[in-house]
Structures are given as C-alpha cells and as structure tokens.
Amino acid sequence: MIDGVRIKQLKVIPDERGRLMEMLRRDDDCFRSFGQVYMTTAYPGVVKAWHYHKKQWDHFVCVRGMMKVVLYDSREGSPTCGEVNEFLIGEHRPILLQIPPMVYHGFKCVSEYEAVVVNTTSEVYAYDDPDEFRVDPHHNDIPYDWARKDG
C-alpha cells in the first residue's frame, strides 16, 4: 500500500428504523484535522481524475453506489514511489480511505447508478488559491488505464 494511505473499516449499525454509520471521529488514529466536509458524485462509468493536494489530507467514504478509487504515488523519495493502488469502496465495502498530500487520486463510478462520496478534508478549500493540482484522466504519465478489466 502507498506510504501514508490508511483504511478504516466502517461499522454499519442497522435496526428497524434504518441504519447508522460513523465515518470519521476526532479520536480516530487516522484523524488529522478538520477543514470541511463535502460530497461529490459520479454517474455510471464516469471518471473524475487525476488530482493531488500539497497540504490537504482527504478522507473518502462512498455512501451510495460503488466507486473504484485509484491512487498513484509520484513523490520522489517515498518508499512507494511509482506504486498504484486500487480500492473498491461503497455500499458493498464500507470503508474510509485516507489519502495523504502529494498522492494523485481519482475515481470511477462502477455501480449502475450515481455514486456519492463524502470527503472530510484536513483543510478548508481556498477559492482564491486552491490546493488542487490536476492532470488529464487519460493522457498523462500515470501508469493506469481506467478501462474495465473483464475476464
């Protein structure tokens, strides 16, 4: 696994009224700091990639549908430089995925309906100076192909 990436298995507590699932707590080992919480979605087959942050830690939880989240470590000097990680997260695998700064990340909706990701960030989004750096999802130096892998 890429250095600095962590997974927290989430516990879903159902009862006759519905369900509850804690995502990130201040007393979790993986908690860094609180910046903001937002949700983002993707329609079936849509890829939203690649980007990274210089300061921000992301904490992804897919609360509806399924997402394939892919990470790429391009950090010089990192023990996992050049490594690619794939994670399927969502209704069938409720986890929190912690993504460190400087690690490229993106996702693809792999469910048959819109997938929803909740992200708790360590930093507040700065509209005038965003900590977000992007490259094209398909034409870049990242050794990853977003095509479905059948077989």
N, C-alpha and C. Protein backbone atom coordinates (compact mmCIF):
# COMPACT_ATOMS: atom_id res chain seq x y z
N MET A 1 0.84 -1.18 0.00
CA MET A 1 0.00 0.00 0.00
C MET A 1 0.89 1.24 0.00
N ILE A 2 0.43 2.27 -0.67
CA ILE A 2 1.17 3.52 -0.76
C ILE A 2 1.40 4.08 0.64
N ASP A 3 2.62 4.55 0.88
CA ASP A 3 3.01 5.10 2.17
C ASP A 3 2.09 6.26 2.56
N GLY A 4 1.51 6.18 3.75
CA GLY A 4 0.62 7.23 4.25
C GLY A 4 -0.85 6.95 4.02
N VAL A 5 -1.18 6.02 3.13
CA VAL A 5 -2.58 5.67 2.88
C VAL A 5 -3.05 4.74 4.00
N ARG A 6 -4.25 4.99 4.49
CA ARG A 6 -4.81 4.16 5.54
C ARG A 6 -6.27 3.86 5.22
N ILE A 7 -6.71 2.70 5.71
CA ILE A 7 -8.09 2.28 5.56
C ILE A 7 -8.67 2.08 6.95
N LYS A 8 -9.87 2.59 7.14
CA LYS A 8 -10.61 2.34 8.37
C LYS A 8 -11.86 1.58 8.00
N GLN A 9 -12.01 0.37 8.52
CA GLN A 9 -13.22 -0.41 8.28
C GLN A 9 -14.36 0.26 9.03
N LEU A 10 -15.45 0.53 8.34
CA LEU A 10 -16.58 1.20 8.96
C LEU A 10 -17.62 0.17 9.40
N LYS A 11 -18.29 0.47 10.48
CA LYS A 11 -19.29 -0.42 11.05
C LYS A 11 -20.67 0.18 10.78
N VAL A 12 -21.51 -0.59 10.12
CA VAL A 12 -22.88 -0.18 9.86
C VAL A 12 -23.76 -0.81 10.93
N ILE A 13 -24.56 0.02 11.59
CA ILE A 13 -25.43 -0.46 12.66
C ILE A 13 -26.88 -0.30 12.19
N PRO A 14 -27.50 -1.42 11.75
CA PRO A 14 -28.89 -1.33 11.28
C PRO A 14 -29.87 -1.66 12.40
N ASP A 15 -31.05 -1.10 12.31
CA ASP A 15 -32.17 -1.53 13.13
C ASP A 15 -33.45 -1.31 12.32
N GLU A 16 -34.61 -1.53 12.94
CA GLU A 16 -35.86 -1.44 12.19
C GLU A 16 -36.18 -0.03 11.70
N ARG A 17 -35.47 0.97 12.19
CA ARG A 17 -35.70 2.36 11.78
C ARG A 17 -34.83 2.78 10.60
N GLY A 18 -33.72 2.08 10.39
CA GLY A 18 -32.76 2.46 9.36
C GLY A 18 -31.38 1.99 9.75
N ARG A 19 -30.37 2.82 9.52
CA ARG A 19 -29.01 2.43 9.86
C ARG A 19 -28.19 3.66 10.23
N LEU A 20 -27.09 3.40 10.91
CA LEU A 20 -26.14 4.44 11.31
C LEU A 20 -24.75 3.95 10.96
N MET A 21 -23.89 4.86 10.49
CA MET A 21 -22.51 4.52 10.20
C MET A 21 -21.64 5.73 10.51
N GLU A 22 -20.80 5.60 11.54
CA GLU A 22 -19.82 6.65 11.82
C GLU A 22 -18.74 6.59 10.75
N MET A 23 -18.27 7.76 10.33
CA MET A 23 -17.24 7.79 9.29
C MET A 23 -15.88 8.20 9.84
N LEU A 24 -15.80 9.35 10.49
CA LEU A 24 -14.52 9.84 10.99
C LEU A 24 -14.77 10.53 12.32
N ARG A 25 -13.98 10.14 13.30
CA ARG A 25 -14.08 10.72 14.64
C ARG A 25 -12.77 11.40 15.00
N ARG A 26 -12.86 12.43 15.82
CA ARG A 26 -11.66 13.14 16.26
C ARG A 26 -10.70 12.22 17.02
N ASP A 27 -11.21 11.18 17.67
CA ASP A 27 -10.36 10.26 18.42
C ASP A 27 -9.88 9.06 17.59
N ASP A 28 -10.12 9.06 16.28
CA ASP A 28 -9.58 8.03 15.39
C ASP A 28 -8.08 8.23 15.20
N ASP A 29 -7.35 7.13 15.07
CA ASP A 29 -5.91 7.21 14.79
C ASP A 29 -5.62 7.96 13.49
N CYS A 30 -6.52 7.87 12.53
CA CYS A 30 -6.28 8.48 11.23
C CYS A 30 -6.74 9.94 11.15
N PHE A 31 -7.34 10.47 12.20
CA PHE A 31 -7.80 11.87 12.17
C PHE A 31 -6.60 12.81 12.14
N ARG A 32 -6.61 13.78 11.23
CA ARG A 32 -5.53 14.77 11.10
C ARG A 32 -5.97 16.12 11.66
N SER A 33 -6.93 16.73 11.02
CA SER A 33 -7.51 18.00 11.44
C SER A 33 -8.79 18.16 10.63
N PHE A 34 -9.62 19.12 11.00
CA PHE A 34 -10.87 19.33 10.28
C PHE A 34 -10.79 20.57 9.42
N GLY A 35 -11.07 20.40 8.13
CA GLY A 35 -11.15 21.53 7.22
C GLY A 35 -12.59 21.76 6.81
N GLN A 36 -13.17 20.76 6.17
CA GLN A 36 -14.56 20.84 5.73
C GLN A 36 -15.04 19.45 5.32
N VAL A 37 -16.34 19.32 5.13
CA VAL A 37 -16.95 18.10 4.62
C VAL A 37 -17.73 18.48 3.37
N TYR A 38 -17.57 17.69 2.31
CA TYR A 38 -18.37 17.91 1.11
C TYR A 38 -18.69 16.57 0.49
N MET A 39 -19.67 16.58 -0.39
CA MET A 39 -19.99 15.37 -1.16
C MET A 39 -19.75 15.65 -2.63
N THR A 40 -19.38 14.59 -3.33
CA THR A 40 -19.22 14.65 -4.77
C THR A 40 -19.84 13.38 -5.35
N THR A 41 -20.31 13.45 -6.57
CA THR A 41 -20.94 12.28 -7.18
C THR A 41 -20.33 12.02 -8.54
N ALA A 42 -20.61 10.82 -9.03
CA ALA A 42 -20.25 10.45 -10.40
C ALA A 42 -21.35 9.56 -10.94
N TYR A 43 -21.67 9.76 -12.20
CA TYR A 43 -22.64 8.92 -12.88
C TYR A 43 -21.94 7.64 -13.36
N PRO A 44 -22.70 6.58 -13.66
CA PRO A 44 -22.10 5.31 -14.06
C PRO A 44 -21.06 5.46 -15.17
N GLY A 45 -19.88 4.89 -14.94
CA GLY A 45 -18.81 4.89 -15.93
C GLY A 45 -17.98 6.16 -16.00
N VAL A 46 -18.37 7.21 -15.26
CA VAL A 46 -17.65 8.48 -15.32
C VAL A 46 -16.38 8.41 -14.48
N VAL A 47 -15.29 8.93 -15.03
CA VAL A 47 -14.01 9.02 -14.34
C VAL A 47 -13.79 10.48 -13.94
N LYS A 48 -13.48 10.69 -12.66
CA LYS A 48 -13.06 12.01 -12.18
C LYS A 48 -11.64 11.84 -11.66
N ALA A 49 -10.67 12.30 -12.44
CA ALA A 49 -9.26 12.12 -12.09
C ALA A 49 -8.45 13.09 -12.94
N TRP A 50 -7.23 13.17 -12.76
CA TRP A 50 -6.36 12.96 -11.61
C TRP A 50 -6.12 14.29 -10.95
N HIS A 51 -5.96 14.28 -9.64
CA HIS A 51 -5.51 15.48 -8.96
C HIS A 51 -4.81 15.11 -7.65
N TYR A 52 -4.12 16.09 -7.09
CA TYR A 52 -3.45 15.91 -5.80
C TYR A 52 -3.47 17.23 -5.07
N HIS A 53 -3.13 17.18 -3.80
CA HIS A 53 -3.04 18.37 -2.95
C HIS A 53 -1.65 18.44 -2.35
N LYS A 54 -1.16 19.63 -2.11
CA LYS A 54 0.16 19.79 -1.48
C LYS A 54 0.08 19.74 0.04
N LYS A 55 -1.04 20.18 0.63
CA LYS A 55 -1.19 20.19 2.10
C LYS A 55 -2.32 19.29 2.59
N GLN A 56 -3.34 19.16 1.82
CA GLN A 56 -4.59 18.55 2.28
C GLN A 56 -4.56 17.03 2.33
N TRP A 57 -5.12 16.48 3.40
CA TRP A 57 -5.43 15.06 3.52
C TRP A 57 -6.90 14.89 3.18
N ASP A 58 -7.24 13.87 2.40
CA ASP A 58 -8.63 13.55 2.07
C ASP A 58 -9.02 12.28 2.82
N HIS A 59 -10.32 12.18 3.13
CA HIS A 59 -10.89 11.00 3.80
C HIS A 59 -12.18 10.66 3.07
N PHE A 60 -12.10 9.72 2.11
CA PHE A 60 -13.23 9.36 1.26
C PHE A 60 -14.07 8.27 1.90
N VAL A 61 -15.39 8.44 1.87
CA VAL A 61 -16.35 7.39 2.19
C VAL A 61 -17.42 7.44 1.10
N CYS A 62 -17.63 6.33 0.43
CA CYS A 62 -18.68 6.25 -0.59
C CYS A 62 -19.94 5.74 0.11
N VAL A 63 -20.97 6.59 0.17
CA VAL A 63 -22.17 6.27 0.93
C VAL A 63 -23.32 5.76 0.06
N ARG A 64 -23.18 5.83 -1.25
CA ARG A 64 -24.18 5.30 -2.17
C ARG A 64 -23.47 4.81 -3.42
N GLY A 65 -23.83 3.63 -3.87
CA GLY A 65 -23.20 3.07 -5.06
C GLY A 65 -21.82 2.52 -4.75
N MET A 66 -21.05 2.33 -5.81
CA MET A 66 -19.69 1.80 -5.69
C MET A 66 -18.75 2.65 -6.53
N MET A 67 -17.58 2.94 -5.95
CA MET A 67 -16.54 3.70 -6.63
C MET A 67 -15.26 2.88 -6.66
N LYS A 68 -14.57 2.97 -7.77
CA LYS A 68 -13.20 2.47 -7.85
C LYS A 68 -12.31 3.70 -7.66
N VAL A 69 -11.61 3.75 -6.53
CA VAL A 69 -10.71 4.86 -6.24
C VAL A 69 -9.30 4.38 -6.54
N VAL A 70 -8.54 5.16 -7.29
CA VAL A 70 -7.18 4.79 -7.66
C VAL A 70 -6.23 5.87 -7.18
N LEU A 71 -5.12 5.43 -6.59
CA LEU A 71 -4.09 6.33 -6.08
C LEU A 71 -2.78 6.04 -6.80
N TYR A 72 -2.00 7.09 -7.00
CA TYR A 72 -0.68 6.94 -7.61
C TYR A 72 0.32 7.79 -6.83
N ASP A 73 1.40 7.16 -6.40
CA ASP A 73 2.43 7.84 -5.61
C ASP A 73 3.56 8.28 -6.54
N SER A 74 3.64 9.59 -6.77
CA SER A 74 4.73 10.14 -7.61
C SER A 74 5.75 10.89 -6.75
N ARG A 75 5.65 10.74 -5.43
CA ARG A 75 6.51 11.50 -4.52
C ARG A 75 7.94 10.97 -4.55
N GLU A 76 8.86 11.81 -5.02
CA GLU A 76 10.28 11.42 -5.02
C GLU A 76 10.72 11.21 -3.58
N GLY A 77 11.45 10.13 -3.34
CA GLY A 77 11.93 9.81 -2.01
C GLY A 77 10.95 8.98 -1.20
N SER A 78 9.73 8.80 -1.68
CA SER A 78 8.76 7.96 -0.98
C SER A 78 9.14 6.49 -1.16
N PRO A 79 9.01 5.68 -0.13
CA PRO A 79 9.33 4.25 -0.28
C PRO A 79 8.39 3.54 -1.25
N THR A 80 7.27 4.17 -1.58
CA THR A 80 6.32 3.55 -2.52
C THR A 80 6.18 4.36 -3.81
N CYS A 81 7.18 5.18 -4.12
CA CYS A 81 7.15 5.99 -5.35
C CYS A 81 6.93 5.08 -6.56
N GLY A 82 5.98 5.46 -7.41
CA GLY A 82 5.66 4.68 -8.61
C GLY A 82 4.56 3.65 -8.40
N GLU A 83 4.12 3.46 -7.16
CA GLU A 83 3.10 2.45 -6.86
C GLU A 83 1.70 2.98 -7.17
N VAL A 84 0.85 2.09 -7.66
CA VAL A 84 -0.56 2.36 -7.92
C VAL A 84 -1.38 1.47 -7.00
N ASN A 85 -2.40 2.05 -6.35
CA ASN A 85 -3.34 1.28 -5.52
C ASN A 85 -4.75 1.49 -6.05
N GLU A 86 -5.53 0.41 -6.07
CA GLU A 86 -6.94 0.43 -6.46
C GLU A 86 -7.78 0.01 -5.26
N PHE A 87 -8.86 0.72 -5.01
CA PHE A 87 -9.76 0.38 -3.91
C PHE A 87 -11.19 0.44 -4.43
N LEU A 88 -11.98 -0.58 -4.16
CA LEU A 88 -13.42 -0.54 -4.41
C LEU A 88 -14.07 -0.18 -3.09
N ILE A 89 -14.78 0.93 -3.08
CA ILE A 89 -15.41 1.40 -1.84
C ILE A 89 -16.87 1.70 -2.12
N GLY A 90 -17.69 1.54 -1.09
CA GLY A 90 -19.10 1.88 -1.24
C GLY A 90 -20.00 0.97 -0.44
N GLU A 91 -21.21 0.81 -0.93
CA GLU A 91 -22.24 0.07 -0.20
C GLU A 91 -21.80 -1.36 0.14
N HIS A 92 -21.05 -1.98 -0.73
CA HIS A 92 -20.61 -3.36 -0.51
C HIS A 92 -19.27 -3.46 0.21
N ARG A 93 -18.62 -2.33 0.41
CA ARG A 93 -17.37 -2.28 1.16
C ARG A 93 -17.28 -0.93 1.87
N PRO A 94 -17.92 -0.82 3.03
CA PRO A 94 -17.94 0.46 3.74
C PRO A 94 -16.63 0.72 4.47
N ILE A 95 -15.79 1.52 3.85
CA ILE A 95 -14.51 1.90 4.45
C ILE A 95 -14.30 3.39 4.31
N LEU A 96 -13.44 3.93 5.15
CA LEU A 96 -12.91 5.28 4.99
C LEU A 96 -11.52 5.11 4.41
N LEU A 97 -11.23 5.83 3.34
CA LEU A 97 -9.92 5.77 2.69
C LEU A 97 -9.21 7.10 2.92
N GLN A 98 -8.10 7.06 3.64
CA GLN A 98 -7.32 8.26 3.92
C GLN A 98 -6.24 8.42 2.85
N ILE A 99 -6.21 9.60 2.22
CA ILE A 99 -5.28 9.87 1.12
C ILE A 99 -4.37 11.02 1.54
N PRO A 100 -3.05 10.77 1.60
CA PRO A 100 -2.12 11.83 2.04
C PRO A 100 -1.86 12.87 0.95
N PRO A 101 -1.31 14.01 1.34
CA PRO A 101 -0.93 15.03 0.36
C PRO A 101 0.08 14.47 -0.64
N MET A 102 0.07 15.04 -1.83
CA MET A 102 1.02 14.74 -2.91
C MET A 102 0.78 13.38 -3.57
N VAL A 103 -0.29 12.68 -3.21
CA VAL A 103 -0.63 11.42 -3.86
C VAL A 103 -1.77 11.69 -4.84
N TYR A 104 -1.51 11.40 -6.13
CA TYR A 104 -2.56 11.56 -7.13
C TYR A 104 -3.72 10.64 -6.81
N HIS A 105 -4.94 11.11 -7.04
CA HIS A 105 -6.10 10.26 -6.82
C HIS A 105 -7.22 10.62 -7.78
N GLY A 106 -8.07 9.65 -7.99
CA GLY A 106 -9.24 9.83 -8.83
C GLY A 106 -10.18 8.67 -8.60
N PHE A 107 -11.37 8.77 -9.18
CA PHE A 107 -12.31 7.67 -9.01
C PHE A 107 -13.20 7.50 -10.23
N LYS A 108 -13.80 6.32 -10.30
CA LYS A 108 -14.72 5.96 -11.37
C LYS A 108 -15.93 5.30 -10.74
N CYS A 109 -17.13 5.74 -11.14
CA CYS A 109 -18.35 5.09 -10.66
C CYS A 109 -18.47 3.74 -11.36
N VAL A 110 -18.53 2.66 -10.57
CA VAL A 110 -18.65 1.32 -11.14
C VAL A 110 -19.99 0.68 -10.81
N SER A 111 -20.89 1.43 -10.19
CA SER A 111 -22.24 0.93 -9.96
C SER A 111 -23.14 1.34 -11.12
N GLU A 112 -24.33 0.76 -11.17
CA GLU A 112 -25.26 1.04 -12.26
C GLU A 112 -26.08 2.30 -12.02
N TYR A 113 -25.75 3.02 -10.96
CA TYR A 113 -26.45 4.27 -10.64
C TYR A 113 -25.44 5.22 -10.01
N GLU A 114 -25.81 6.48 -9.92
CA GLU A 114 -24.93 7.52 -9.41
C GLU A 114 -24.34 7.12 -8.06
N ALA A 115 -23.04 7.28 -7.92
CA ALA A 115 -22.35 7.01 -6.66
C ALA A 115 -22.06 8.33 -5.96
N VAL A 116 -22.12 8.31 -4.62
CA VAL A 116 -21.94 9.51 -3.81
C VAL A 116 -20.78 9.29 -2.85
N VAL A 117 -19.80 10.19 -2.88
CA VAL A 117 -18.66 10.15 -1.98
C VAL A 117 -18.74 11.35 -1.04
N VAL A 118 -18.55 11.08 0.26
CA VAL A 118 -18.42 12.14 1.25
C VAL A 118 -16.94 12.25 1.56
N ASN A 119 -16.39 13.46 1.48
CA ASN A 119 -14.97 13.68 1.76
C ASN A 119 -14.84 14.64 2.93
N THR A 120 -14.11 14.20 3.95
CA THR A 120 -13.76 15.07 5.07
C THR A 120 -12.30 15.45 4.88
N THR A 121 -12.06 16.73 4.68
CA THR A 121 -10.70 17.19 4.38
C THR A 121 -10.04 17.79 5.61
N SER A 122 -8.72 17.82 5.58
CA SER A 122 -7.96 18.42 6.69
C SER A 122 -7.84 19.93 6.55
N GLU A 123 -8.17 20.46 5.38
CA GLU A 123 -8.02 21.89 5.10
C GLU A 123 -9.32 22.44 4.52
N VAL A 124 -9.54 23.72 4.70
CA VAL A 124 -10.66 24.41 4.07
C VAL A 124 -10.27 24.75 2.64
N TYR A 125 -11.21 24.57 1.71
CA TYR A 125 -10.94 24.91 0.32
C TYR A 125 -10.78 26.43 0.19
N ALA A 126 -9.67 26.85 -0.37
CA ALA A 126 -9.38 28.27 -0.56
C ALA A 126 -9.74 28.65 -1.99
N TYR A 127 -10.85 29.33 -2.17
CA TYR A 127 -11.33 29.68 -3.51
C TYR A 127 -10.33 30.52 -4.28
N ASP A 128 -9.59 31.40 -3.60
CA ASP A 128 -8.65 32.29 -4.28
C ASP A 128 -7.29 31.66 -4.53
N ASP A 129 -6.98 30.55 -3.86
CA ASP A 129 -5.70 29.86 -4.03
C ASP A 129 -5.87 28.37 -3.72
N PRO A 130 -6.58 27.64 -4.61
CA PRO A 130 -6.90 26.25 -4.32
C PRO A 130 -5.67 25.35 -4.23
N ASP A 131 -5.68 24.47 -3.24
CA ASP A 131 -4.64 23.45 -3.08
C ASP A 131 -5.06 22.22 -3.88
N GLU A 132 -5.14 22.41 -5.19
CA GLU A 132 -5.60 21.34 -6.07
C GLU A 132 -4.87 21.44 -7.39
N PHE A 133 -4.24 20.36 -7.79
CA PHE A 133 -3.42 20.33 -8.98
C PHE A 133 -3.87 19.15 -9.82
N ARG A 134 -4.18 19.39 -11.09
CA ARG A 134 -4.83 18.39 -11.94
C ARG A 134 -3.99 18.00 -13.16
N VAL A 135 -4.23 16.76 -13.60
CA VAL A 135 -3.75 16.30 -14.90
C VAL A 135 -4.90 15.56 -15.58
N ASP A 136 -4.83 15.43 -16.89
CA ASP A 136 -5.86 14.77 -17.68
C ASP A 136 -6.05 13.33 -17.20
N PRO A 137 -7.29 12.84 -17.15
CA PRO A 137 -7.52 11.47 -16.66
C PRO A 137 -6.97 10.36 -17.55
N HIS A 138 -6.80 10.64 -18.83
CA HIS A 138 -6.40 9.57 -19.75
C HIS A 138 -5.07 9.80 -20.44
N HIS A 139 -4.60 11.02 -20.50
CA HIS A 139 -3.35 11.34 -21.22
C HIS A 139 -2.38 11.98 -20.23
N ASN A 140 -1.50 11.14 -19.67
CA ASN A 140 -0.59 11.60 -18.62
C ASN A 140 0.52 10.56 -18.45
N ASP A 141 1.37 10.75 -17.46
CA ASP A 141 2.47 9.82 -17.18
C ASP A 141 2.12 8.79 -16.11
N ILE A 142 0.88 8.77 -15.66
CA ILE A 142 0.47 7.84 -14.60
C ILE A 142 0.21 6.48 -15.24
N PRO A 143 0.84 5.42 -14.73
CA PRO A 143 0.71 4.09 -15.34
C PRO A 143 -0.60 3.40 -14.94
N TYR A 144 -1.71 3.94 -15.45
CA TYR A 144 -3.00 3.35 -15.10
C TYR A 144 -3.99 3.57 -16.24
N ASP A 145 -4.78 2.53 -16.53
CA ASP A 145 -5.81 2.58 -17.55
C ASP A 145 -7.17 2.42 -16.86
N TRP A 146 -8.06 3.38 -17.06
CA TRP A 146 -9.36 3.39 -16.39
C TRP A 146 -10.35 2.41 -17.00
N ALA A 147 -9.99 1.72 -18.10
CA ALA A 147 -10.92 0.78 -18.73
C ALA A 147 -11.25 -0.37 -17.78
N ARG A 148 -12.48 -0.86 -17.90
CA ARG A 148 -12.91 -2.00 -17.08
C ARG A 148 -12.08 -3.22 -17.41
N LYS A 149 -11.75 -3.99 -16.39
CA LYS A 149 -10.91 -5.18 -16.57
C LYS A 149 -11.79 -6.42 -16.51
N ASP A 150 -12.21 -6.89 -17.69
CA ASP A 150 -13.04 -8.08 -17.75
C ASP A 150 -12.17 -9.33 -17.77
N GLY A 151 -12.82 -10.48 -17.51
CA GLY A 151 -12.10 -11.75 -17.69
C GLY A 151 -12.05 -12.62 -16.51
